[in-house]
Amino acid sequence: MSEFSAVTEGIRAYGATASSMAAQVETAAMGTAAAGPVLLGPAFGLIGGDFVAAFATAHGGHAAALTNLARTLGSMSEAAHASAAAYDSADLGAATGLSATGNGLEA
């Protein structure tokens, strides 16, 4: 039988880091949305309309990608915390079972 060991504090630390990164990326996504291409319209005028339209498409894709990345990082954080809790619960359950079995073996 091979051994398995999980350091749940490390898993939780990873989850906390992913959560922090999610918040930072979400802030960047909001900043990106606030600085939309609508602000460029007056600067480019009628001549730059095609550029502004193309930029708006690219900008929308960029904002969507940032939002998806923030959600992914948030999901990774939740999964890490849930995994750590499951490992701790399984470990406690095994220890409790062994302790109960051992209580009947005392001389």
Protein backbone atom coordinates (compact mmCIF):
# COMPACT_ATOMS: atom_id res chain seq x y z
CA MET A 1 0.00 0.00 0.00
CA SER A 2 1.37 3.40 -0.88
CA GLU A 3 1.19 6.26 1.58
CA PHE A 4 -0.71 9.48 1.09
CA SER A 5 -0.31 12.62 3.11
CA ALA A 6 -2.10 15.94 2.73
CA VAL A 7 -1.01 19.06 4.56
CA THR A 8 -4.38 20.73 4.95
CA GLU A 9 -2.90 23.98 6.23
CA GLY A 10 -1.01 24.25 2.94
CA ILE A 11 -4.14 23.45 0.95
CA ARG A 12 -6.01 26.16 2.85
CA ALA A 13 -3.15 28.62 2.26
CA TYR A 14 -3.39 27.88 -1.46
CA GLY A 15 -7.14 28.49 -1.26
CA ALA A 16 -6.57 31.82 0.47
CA THR A 17 -4.04 32.84 -2.18
CA ALA A 18 -6.45 31.90 -4.98
CA SER A 19 -9.19 33.92 -3.26
CA SER A 20 -6.92 36.95 -3.01
CA MET A 21 -5.97 36.61 -6.67
CA ALA A 22 -9.66 36.34 -7.61
CA ALA A 23 -10.38 39.60 -5.80
CA GLN A 24 -7.48 41.34 -7.53
CA VAL A 25 -8.50 40.11 -10.97
CA GLU A 26 -12.12 41.11 -10.28
CA THR A 27 -10.90 44.61 -9.40
CA ALA A 28 -8.96 44.70 -12.66
CA ALA A 29 -12.06 43.56 -14.56
CA MET A 30 -14.13 46.35 -13.02
CA GLY A 31 -11.44 48.89 -13.90
CA THR A 32 -11.35 47.56 -17.43
CA ALA A 33 -15.11 47.87 -17.77
CA ALA A 34 -15.03 51.43 -16.43
CA ALA A 35 -12.40 52.45 -18.98
CA GLY A 36 -14.43 51.28 -21.94
CA PRO A 37 -14.02 52.31 -25.55
CA VAL A 38 -16.97 54.71 -25.30
CA LEU A 39 -14.47 57.18 -23.89
CA LEU A 40 -12.48 57.00 -27.14
CA GLY A 41 -15.33 58.05 -29.43
CA PRO A 42 -14.83 61.81 -29.08
CA ALA A 43 -11.07 61.48 -29.48
CA PHE A 44 -11.29 59.60 -32.79
CA GLY A 45 -14.38 61.28 -34.17
CA LEU A 46 -16.17 59.98 -37.26
CA ILE A 47 -12.99 58.89 -39.02
CA GLY A 48 -11.98 56.51 -36.24
CA GLY A 49 -15.37 54.84 -35.90
CA ASP A 50 -14.19 51.55 -37.40
CA PHE A 51 -11.21 51.45 -35.06
CA VAL A 52 -13.37 52.22 -32.03
CA ALA A 53 -15.81 49.46 -33.06
CA ALA A 54 -12.99 46.92 -33.42
CA PHE A 55 -11.47 48.06 -30.16
CA ALA A 56 -14.85 47.71 -28.44
CA THR A 57 -15.03 44.08 -29.56
CA ALA A 58 -11.51 43.35 -28.31
CA HIS A 59 -12.19 45.25 -25.10
CA GLY A 60 -15.35 43.25 -24.45
CA GLY A 61 -13.44 40.00 -24.93
CA HIS A 62 -10.72 41.17 -22.57
CA ALA A 63 -13.22 42.16 -19.88
CA ALA A 64 -15.04 38.83 -20.25
CA ALA A 65 -11.76 36.91 -19.97
CA LEU A 66 -10.86 38.76 -16.77
CA THR A 67 -14.29 38.03 -15.31
CA ASN A 68 -13.98 34.34 -16.20
CA LEU A 69 -10.49 34.19 -14.69
CA ALA A 70 -11.76 35.74 -11.46
CA ARG A 71 -14.57 33.17 -11.30
CA THR A 72 -12.13 30.33 -11.97
CA LEU A 73 -9.80 31.49 -9.23
CA GLY A 74 -12.75 31.80 -6.86
CA SER A 75 -13.82 28.24 -7.70
CA MET A 76 -10.28 27.00 -7.14
CA SER A 77 -10.29 28.65 -3.72
CA GLU A 78 -13.61 27.04 -2.79
CA ALA A 79 -12.40 23.63 -4.00
CA ALA A 80 -9.16 23.91 -2.02
CA HIS A 81 -11.00 24.78 1.19
CA ALA A 82 -13.55 22.00 0.63
CA SER A 83 -10.76 19.48 -0.04
CA ALA A 84 -8.89 20.48 3.11
CA ALA A 85 -12.08 20.12 5.15
CA ALA A 86 -12.78 16.70 3.60
CA TYR A 87 -9.23 15.49 4.35
CA ASP A 88 -9.50 16.71 7.94
CA SER A 89 -12.89 15.07 8.34
CA ALA A 90 -11.67 11.76 6.91
CA ASP A 91 -8.60 11.85 9.14
CA LEU A 92 -10.70 12.58 12.23
CA GLY A 93 -13.14 9.81 11.31
CA ALA A 94 -10.34 7.28 10.91
CA ALA A 95 -8.71 8.37 14.17
CA THR A 96 -12.02 8.15 16.02
CA GLY A 97 -12.65 4.66 14.64
CA LEU A 98 -9.19 3.46 15.58
CA SER A 99 -9.50 4.97 19.04
CA ALA A 100 -12.83 3.23 19.61
CA THR A 101 -11.37 -0.08 18.47
CA GLY A 102 -8.32 0.38 20.66
CA ASN A 103 -10.39 1.10 23.77
CA GLY A 104 -11.59 -2.50 23.87
CA LEU A 105 -8.04 -3.87 23.62
CA GLU A 106 -6.64 -2.34 26.79
CA ALA A 107 -5.52 -4.85 29.38
